[in-house]
Amino acid sequence: MPLLDFAATAEHLPDSWTSTRLGQVGEAQIKVLRMDEQAYGEETHDYDEGLLVITGCLQLTVGGQVISVGPGQMYLVEAHTAHAVLKGSQGTLVIIDIQAGVGQQE
């Protein structure tokens, strides 16, 4: 995998909250996106998802709790756990999806 500049990549994405796949390490897909202070609705996945903040702050709700994730911190959302992003989240977010057996899909 080449050298990746997450913040620069996210800055040049045409749309916020739309991730782009940067690569894959084993079964983990690595994606980056730009957060723009807008809320992002509740979702669940069949796989674990790591949410790593590069710049800014991610405000999540998980199980009725508000969780703040700052630069250099990662929150691991376990499979089948509902989570949502609160208004005010902004900056660069790296998503690590651990999708066993999925291959190259996004």
C-alpha atoms as a PDB file:
ATOM      1  CA  MET A   1       0.000   0.000   0.000  1.00  0.00           C
ATOM      2  CA  PRO A   2       1.445   3.419  -0.911  1.00  0.00           C
ATOM      3  CA  LEU A   3       1.833   6.332   1.484  1.00  0.00           C
ATOM      4  CA  LEU A   4      -1.649   7.691   2.255  1.00  0.00           C
ATOM      5  CA  ASP A   5      -2.523  11.224   3.340  1.00  0.00           C
ATOM      6  CA  PHE A   6      -6.001  10.769   4.781  1.00  0.00           C
ATOM      7  CA  ALA A   7      -6.760  14.461   5.358  1.00  0.00           C
ATOM      8  CA  ALA A   8      -5.649  15.507   1.854  1.00  0.00           C
ATOM      9  CA  THR A   9      -7.624  12.680   0.247  1.00  0.00           C
ATOM     10  CA  ALA A  10     -10.772  13.542   2.212  1.00  0.00           C
ATOM     11  CA  GLU A  11     -10.403  17.237   1.381  1.00  0.00           C
ATOM     12  CA  HIS A  12     -10.558  16.467  -2.339  1.00  0.00           C
ATOM     13  CA  LEU A  13     -13.607  14.196  -2.203  1.00  0.00           C
ATOM     14  CA  PRO A  14     -16.554  15.719  -4.095  1.00  0.00           C
ATOM     15  CA  ASP A  15     -19.169  14.912  -1.430  1.00  0.00           C
ATOM     16  CA  SER A  16     -19.114  14.731   2.344  1.00  0.00           C
ATOM     17  CA  TRP A  17     -20.236  11.508   4.041  1.00  0.00           C
ATOM     18  CA  THR A  18     -19.373   9.511   0.913  1.00  0.00           C
ATOM     19  CA  SER A  19     -16.381   7.284   1.534  1.00  0.00           C
ATOM     20  CA  THR A  20     -13.746   6.253  -0.940  1.00  0.00           C
ATOM     21  CA  ARG A  21     -11.935   2.937  -0.625  1.00  0.00           C
ATOM     22  CA  LEU A  22      -8.177   3.366  -0.305  1.00  0.00           C
ATOM     23  CA  GLY A  23      -7.131  -0.248   0.027  1.00  0.00           C
ATOM     24  CA  GLN A  24      -7.484  -3.511   1.824  1.00  0.00           C
ATOM     25  CA  VAL A  25      -5.317  -5.237   4.416  1.00  0.00           C
ATOM     26  CA  GLY A  26      -6.353  -8.841   4.894  1.00  0.00           C
ATOM     27  CA  GLU A  27     -10.103  -8.802   5.457  1.00  0.00           C
ATOM     28  CA  ALA A  28     -10.146  -5.116   6.461  1.00  0.00           C
ATOM     29  CA  GLN A  29     -11.176  -2.470   3.961  1.00  0.00           C
ATOM     30  CA  ILE A  30      -9.768   1.007   4.578  1.00  0.00           C
ATOM     31  CA  LYS A  31     -11.910   3.976   3.568  1.00  0.00           C
ATOM     32  CA  VAL A  32     -11.781   7.717   4.166  1.00  0.00           C
ATOM     33  CA  LEU A  33     -14.474  10.388   4.168  1.00  0.00           C
ATOM     34  CA  ARG A  34     -15.049  14.017   5.041  1.00  0.00           C
ATOM     35  CA  MET A  35     -17.505  14.876   7.818  1.00  0.00           C
ATOM     36  CA  ASP A  36     -19.347  18.197   7.352  1.00  0.00           C
ATOM     37  CA  GLU A  37     -21.206  18.843  10.629  1.00  0.00           C
ATOM     38  CA  GLN A  38     -24.412  17.247   9.299  1.00  0.00           C
ATOM     39  CA  ALA A  39     -25.980  14.303  11.118  1.00  0.00           C
ATOM     40  CA  TYR A  40     -25.797  10.850   9.555  1.00  0.00           C
ATOM     41  CA  GLY A  41     -28.685   8.492  10.276  1.00  0.00           C
ATOM     42  CA  GLU A  42     -28.625   5.315  12.315  1.00  0.00           C
ATOM     43  CA  GLU A  43     -27.214   2.215  10.670  1.00  0.00           C
ATOM     44  CA  THR A  44     -26.046  -1.295  11.537  1.00  0.00           C
ATOM     45  CA  HIS A  45     -23.632  -3.629   9.770  1.00  0.00           C
ATOM     46  CA  ASP A  46     -23.022  -7.380   9.690  1.00  0.00           C
ATOM     47  CA  TYR A  47     -19.350  -6.688  10.426  1.00  0.00           C
ATOM     48  CA  ASP A  48     -17.180  -4.794  12.902  1.00  0.00           C
ATOM     49  CA  GLU A  49     -16.339  -1.215  11.941  1.00  0.00           C
ATOM     50  CA  GLY A  50     -13.476   0.895  13.267  1.00  0.00           C
ATOM     51  CA  LEU A  51     -14.073   4.664  13.163  1.00  0.00           C
ATOM     52  CA  LEU A  52     -10.714   6.467  13.375  1.00  0.00           C
ATOM     53  CA  VAL A  53     -10.749  10.263  13.604  1.00  0.00           C
ATOM     54  CA  ILE A  54      -7.785  11.915  11.860  1.00  0.00           C
ATOM     55  CA  THR A  55      -8.892  15.548  12.241  1.00  0.00           C
ATOM     56  CA  GLY A  56     -11.903  17.141  13.922  1.00  0.00           C
ATOM     57  CA  CYS A  57     -14.384  15.290  16.105  1.00  0.00           C
ATOM     58  CA  LEU A  58     -16.913  12.495  15.643  1.00  0.00           C
ATOM     59  CA  GLN A  59     -20.019  12.535  17.849  1.00  0.00           C
ATOM     60  CA  LEU A  60     -21.772   9.161  17.915  1.00  0.00           C
ATOM     61  CA  THR A  61     -24.817   7.736  19.610  1.00  0.00           C
ATOM     62  CA  VAL A  62     -24.519   4.062  20.479  1.00  0.00           C
ATOM     63  CA  GLY A  63     -27.043   2.352  22.724  1.00  0.00           C
ATOM     64  CA  GLY A  64     -28.456   5.688  23.862  1.00  0.00           C
ATOM     65  CA  GLN A  65     -25.041   7.020  24.886  1.00  0.00           C
ATOM     66  CA  VAL A  66     -23.230   9.947  23.275  1.00  0.00           C
ATOM     67  CA  ILE A  67     -19.618   9.132  22.496  1.00  0.00           C
ATOM     68  CA  SER A  68     -17.060  11.756  21.441  1.00  0.00           C
ATOM     69  CA  VAL A  69     -14.125  10.545  19.370  1.00  0.00           C
ATOM     70  CA  GLY A  70     -11.251  12.977  18.859  1.00  0.00           C
ATOM     71  CA  PRO A  71      -8.141  13.065  16.668  1.00  0.00           C
ATOM     72  CA  GLY A  72      -6.033   9.956  17.078  1.00  0.00           C
ATOM     73  CA  GLN A  73      -8.893   8.040  18.690  1.00  0.00           C
ATOM     74  CA  MET A  74     -10.890   5.155  17.253  1.00  0.00           C
ATOM     75  CA  TYR A  75     -14.258   3.763  18.257  1.00  0.00           C
ATOM     76  CA  LEU A  76     -14.914   0.123  17.403  1.00  0.00           C
ATOM     77  CA  VAL A  77     -18.556  -0.524  16.539  1.00  0.00           C
ATOM     78  CA  GLU A  78     -19.236  -4.212  16.912  1.00  0.00           C
ATOM     79  CA  ALA A  79     -21.287  -6.040  14.288  1.00  0.00           C
ATOM     80  CA  HIS A  80     -25.080  -5.630  14.589  1.00  0.00           C
ATOM     81  CA  THR A  81     -24.754  -2.540  16.814  1.00  0.00           C
ATOM     82  CA  ALA A  82     -26.942   0.418  15.812  1.00  0.00           C
ATOM     83  CA  HIS A  83     -25.028   3.706  15.703  1.00  0.00           C
ATOM     84  CA  ALA A  84     -25.622   7.208  14.360  1.00  0.00           C
ATOM     85  CA  VAL A  85     -23.560  10.360  13.855  1.00  0.00           C
ATOM     86  CA  LEU A  86     -24.752  13.519  15.585  1.00  0.00           C
ATOM     87  CA  LYS A  87     -24.861  16.991  14.077  1.00  0.00           C
ATOM     88  CA  GLY A  88     -21.585  18.842  14.618  1.00  0.00           C
ATOM     89  CA  SER A  89     -19.255  16.012  13.632  1.00  0.00           C
ATOM     90  CA  GLN A  90     -16.596  17.419  11.321  1.00  0.00           C
ATOM     91  CA  GLY A  91     -13.148  16.624   9.945  1.00  0.00           C
ATOM     92  CA  THR A  92     -11.539  13.528   8.451  1.00  0.00           C
ATOM     93  CA  LEU A  93     -12.709  10.025   9.311  1.00  0.00           C
ATOM     94  CA  VAL A  94     -11.029   6.737   8.378  1.00  0.00           C
ATOM     95  CA  ILE A  95     -13.327   3.709   8.368  1.00  0.00           C
ATOM     96  CA  ILE A  96     -11.896   0.235   8.809  1.00  0.00           C
ATOM     97  CA  ASP A  97     -14.484  -2.379   7.837  1.00  0.00           C
ATOM     98  CA  ILE A  98     -13.693  -5.919   8.908  1.00  0.00           C
ATOM     99  CA  GLN A  99     -15.821  -7.888   6.480  1.00  0.00           C
ATOM    100  CA  ALA A 100     -14.752 -11.531   6.645  1.00  0.00           C
ATOM    101  CA  GLY A 101     -15.184 -13.278   3.319  1.00  0.00           C
ATOM    102  CA  VAL A 102     -16.371 -10.198   1.420  1.00  0.00           C
ATOM    103  CA  GLY A 103     -13.294  -9.777  -0.773  1.00  0.00           C
ATOM    104  CA  GLN A 104     -12.981  -6.519  -2.705  1.00  0.00           C
ATOM    105  CA  GLN A 105     -16.522  -5.213  -2.238  1.00  0.00           C
ATOM    106  CA  GLU A 106     -17.291  -1.856  -0.607  1.00  0.00           C
END
